[in-house]
PDB file of N, CA and C in Angstrom:
ATOM      1  N   MET A   1      58.639 -97.027  27.750  1.00  0.00           N
ATOM      2  CA  MET A   1      59.235 -96.052  27.403  1.00  0.00           C
ATOM      3  C   MET A   1      58.730 -94.545  28.366  1.00  0.00           C
ATOM      4  N   ALA A   2      57.464 -94.947  27.978  1.00  0.00           N
ATOM      5  CA  ALA A   2      56.190 -93.795  28.723  1.00  0.00           C
ATOM      6  C   ALA A   2      56.390 -93.854  29.889  1.00  0.00           C
ATOM      7  N   ALA A   3      56.178 -95.440  31.024  1.00  0.00           N
ATOM      8  CA  ALA A   3      56.724 -95.324  31.979  1.00  0.00           C
ATOM      9  C   ALA A   3      58.216 -94.933  32.710  1.00  0.00           C
ATOM     10  N   GLN A   4      59.194 -94.691  31.653  1.00  0.00           N
ATOM     11  CA  GLN A   4      60.391 -94.232  32.009  1.00  0.00           C
ATOM     12  C   GLN A   4      60.406 -92.456  32.442  1.00  0.00           C
ATOM     13  N   VAL A   5      59.546 -92.032  31.195  1.00  0.00           N
ATOM     14  CA  VAL A   5      59.415 -90.313  31.184  1.00  0.00           C
ATOM     15  C   VAL A   5      58.674 -89.968  32.577  1.00  0.00           C
ATOM     16  N   ALA A   6      57.391 -91.069  32.626  1.00  0.00           N
ATOM     17  CA  ALA A   6      57.028 -90.741  33.596  1.00  0.00           C
ATOM     18  C   ALA A   6      57.624 -90.687  35.462  1.00  0.00           C
ATOM     19  N   HIS A   7      58.277 -91.808  35.258  1.00  0.00           N
ATOM     20  CA  HIS A   7      59.151 -91.959  36.853  1.00  0.00           C
ATOM     21  C   HIS A   7      60.115 -90.770  37.018  1.00  0.00           C
ATOM     22  N   SER A   8      60.686 -90.391  35.895  1.00  0.00           N
ATOM     23  CA  SER A   8      61.718 -89.200  35.963  1.00  0.00           C
ATOM     24  C   SER A   8      61.264 -87.981  35.689  1.00  0.00           C
ATOM     25  N   ALA A   9      59.781 -87.231  35.551  1.00  0.00           N
ATOM     26  CA  ALA A   9      59.370 -86.165  35.972  1.00  0.00           C
ATOM     27  C   ALA A   9      58.825 -86.763  37.436  1.00  0.00           C
ATOM     28  N   VAL A  10      58.172 -86.967  37.561  1.00  0.00           N
ATOM     29  CA  VAL A  10      57.998 -87.553  39.251  1.00  0.00           C
ATOM     30  C   VAL A  10      59.119 -87.176  40.167  1.00  0.00           C
ATOM     31  N   ASP A  11      60.197 -87.884  39.548  1.00  0.00           N
ATOM     32  CA  ASP A  11      61.551 -87.875  40.336  1.00  0.00           C
ATOM     33  C   ASP A  11      61.895 -85.896  40.429  1.00  0.00           C
ATOM     34  N   LEU A  12      61.716 -85.541  39.202  1.00  0.00           N
ATOM     35  CA  LEU A  12      61.810 -83.987  39.269  1.00  0.00           C
ATOM     36  C   LEU A  12      61.209 -83.195  39.657  1.00  0.00           C
ATOM     37  N   TYR A  13      60.133 -83.537  39.675  1.00  0.00           N
ATOM     38  CA  TYR A  13      58.925 -82.742  40.288  1.00  0.00           C
ATOM     39  C   TYR A  13      59.662 -82.760  41.779  1.00  0.00           C
ATOM     40  N   GLN A  14      59.807 -83.998  42.427  1.00  0.00           N
ATOM     41  CA  GLN A  14      60.187 -83.875  43.832  1.00  0.00           C
ATOM     42  C   GLN A  14      61.198 -83.263  44.086  1.00  0.00           C
ATOM     43  N   LYS A  15      62.156 -83.176  43.281  1.00  0.00           N
ATOM     44  CA  LYS A  15      63.620 -82.914  43.374  1.00  0.00           C
ATOM     45  C   LYS A  15      63.246 -81.236  44.056  1.00  0.00           C
ATOM     46  N   ILE A  16      62.375 -80.559  42.784  1.00  0.00           N
ATOM     47  CA  ILE A  16      62.241 -79.265  42.823  1.00  0.00           C
ATOM     48  C   ILE A  16      61.584 -78.820  43.424  1.00  0.00           C
ATOM     49  N   LEU A  17      60.558 -79.496  44.556  1.00  0.00           N
ATOM     50  CA  LEU A  17      59.654 -79.230  45.590  1.00  0.00           C
ATOM     51  C   LEU A  17      60.708 -79.331  46.354  1.00  0.00           C
ATOM     52  N   ASP A  18      61.115 -80.152  46.805  1.00  0.00           N
ATOM     53  CA  ASP A  18      61.933 -80.147  47.821  1.00  0.00           C
ATOM     54  C   ASP A  18      62.792 -78.482  47.935  1.00  0.00           C
ATOM     55  N   GLN A  19      63.686 -78.108  46.795  1.00  0.00           N
ATOM     56  CA  GLN A  19      64.312 -76.732  46.574  1.00  0.00           C
ATOM     57  C   GLN A  19      63.641 -75.584  45.997  1.00  0.00           C
ATOM     58  N   ARG A  20      62.383 -75.645  45.295  1.00  0.00           N
ATOM     59  CA  ARG A  20      61.999 -74.478  44.703  1.00  0.00           C
ATOM     60  C   ARG A  20      60.637 -74.632  44.768  1.00  0.00           C
ATOM     61  N   LEU A  21      60.587 -74.173  45.877  1.00  0.00           N
ATOM     62  CA  LEU A  21      58.922 -74.130  46.347  1.00  0.00           C
ATOM     63  C   LEU A  21      57.975 -72.969  45.664  1.00  0.00           C
ATOM     64  N   MET A  22      58.456 -71.809  45.734  1.00  0.00           N
ATOM     65  CA  MET A  22      58.087 -71.148  44.912  1.00  0.00           C
ATOM     66  C   MET A  22      57.667 -71.052  43.682  1.00  0.00           C
ATOM     67  N   ALA A  23      58.731 -71.255  42.769  1.00  0.00           N
ATOM     68  CA  ALA A  23      58.717 -71.674  40.881  1.00  0.00           C
ATOM     69  C   ALA A  23      57.924 -72.977  40.909  1.00  0.00           C
ATOM     70  N   ILE A  24      57.558 -73.894  41.804  1.00  0.00           N
ATOM     71  CA  ILE A  24      56.425 -74.667  41.458  1.00  0.00           C
ATOM     72  C   ILE A  24      55.227 -74.527  41.972  1.00  0.00           C
ATOM     73  N   ASN A  25      54.856 -73.384  42.997  1.00  0.00           N
ATOM     74  CA  ASN A  25      53.534 -72.725  43.010  1.00  0.00           C
ATOM     75  C   ASN A  25      53.460 -71.476  42.207  1.00  0.00           C
ATOM     76  N   PHE A  26      54.710 -71.313  41.027  1.00  0.00           N
ATOM     77  CA  PHE A  26      54.200 -70.363  39.936  1.00  0.00           C
ATOM     78  C   PHE A  26      54.080 -71.019  38.966  1.00  0.00           C
ATOM     79  N   TRP A  27      54.630 -72.429  38.898  1.00  0.00           N
ATOM     80  CA  TRP A  27      54.222 -73.055  37.620  1.00  0.00           C
ATOM     81  C   TRP A  27      52.749 -73.645  37.781  1.00  0.00           C
ATOM     82  N   ARG A  28      52.395 -73.757  38.920  1.00  0.00           N
ATOM     83  CA  ARG A  28      50.805 -74.468  39.153  1.00  0.00           C
ATOM     84  C   ARG A  28      50.084 -73.469  38.482  1.00  0.00           C
ATOM     85  N   ILE A  29      50.466 -72.149  39.413  1.00  0.00           N
ATOM     86  CA  ILE A  29      49.159 -71.032  39.176  1.00  0.00           C
ATOM     87  C   ILE A  29      49.211 -70.955  37.247  1.00  0.00           C
ATOM     88  N   SER A  30      50.066 -71.147  37.317  1.00  0.00           N
ATOM     89  CA  SER A  30      50.215 -70.022  35.306  1.00  0.00           C
ATOM     90  C   SER A  30      50.183 -71.348  34.676  1.00  0.00           C
ATOM     91  N   GLY A  31      49.621 -72.580  35.221  1.00  0.00           N
ATOM     92  CA  GLY A  31      48.840 -73.518  34.010  1.00  0.00           C
ATOM     93  C   GLY A  31      49.472 -74.670  33.595  1.00  0.00           C
ATOM     94  N   GLN A  32      51.057 -74.763  34.628  1.00  0.00           N
ATOM     95  CA  GLN A  32      51.058 -75.967  34.077  1.00  0.00           C
ATOM     96  C   GLN A  32      51.560 -76.499  32.947  1.00  0.00           C
ATOM     97  N   LYS A  33      52.411 -75.360  32.452  1.00  0.00           N
ATOM     98  CA  LYS A  33      52.939 -75.556  30.928  1.00  0.00           C
ATOM     99  C   LYS A  33      53.467 -76.622  31.007  1.00  0.00           C
ATOM    100  N   LYS A  34      53.577 -77.061  29.765  1.00  0.00           N
ATOM    101  CA  LYS A  34      54.726 -78.363  28.978  1.00  0.00           C
ATOM    102  C   LYS A  34      54.802 -78.348  27.946  1.00  0.00           C
ATOM    103  N   ILE A  35      56.361 -78.919  27.610  1.00  0.00           N
ATOM    104  CA  ILE A  35      56.927 -78.904  26.153  1.00  0.00           C
ATOM    105  C   ILE A  35      57.273 -80.334  26.020  1.00  0.00           C
ATOM    106  N   VAL A  36      56.596 -80.149  24.380  1.00  0.00           N
ATOM    107  CA  VAL A  36      56.781 -81.140  23.982  1.00  0.00           C
ATOM    108  C   VAL A  36      57.506 -81.565  22.740  1.00  0.00           C
ATOM    109  N   VAL A  37      58.441 -82.232  22.519  1.00  0.00           N
ATOM    110  CA  VAL A  37      59.437 -82.467  20.868  1.00  0.00           C
ATOM    111  C   VAL A  37      59.517 -82.802  20.416  1.00  0.00           C
ATOM    112  N   ARG A  38      58.928 -83.033  19.190  1.00  0.00           N
ATOM    113  CA  ARG A  38      59.279 -83.760  18.055  1.00  0.00           C
ATOM    114  C   ARG A  38      61.025 -84.490  17.471  1.00  0.00           C
ATOM    115  N   GLY A  39      60.861 -85.312  17.673  1.00  0.00           N
ATOM    116  CA  GLY A  39      62.149 -86.228  16.866  1.00  0.00           C
ATOM    117  C   GLY A  39      62.256 -86.697  15.399  1.00  0.00           C
TER     118      GLY A  39
END
């Protein structure tokens, strides 16, 4: 499961990087916040 999550995260990061460089740069300088959801 963890490998699937990591693969998905990397894929999404690459897609956003290709389309929205400014958003990625803001995310980087603002501490790279993450959201964790408990089920």
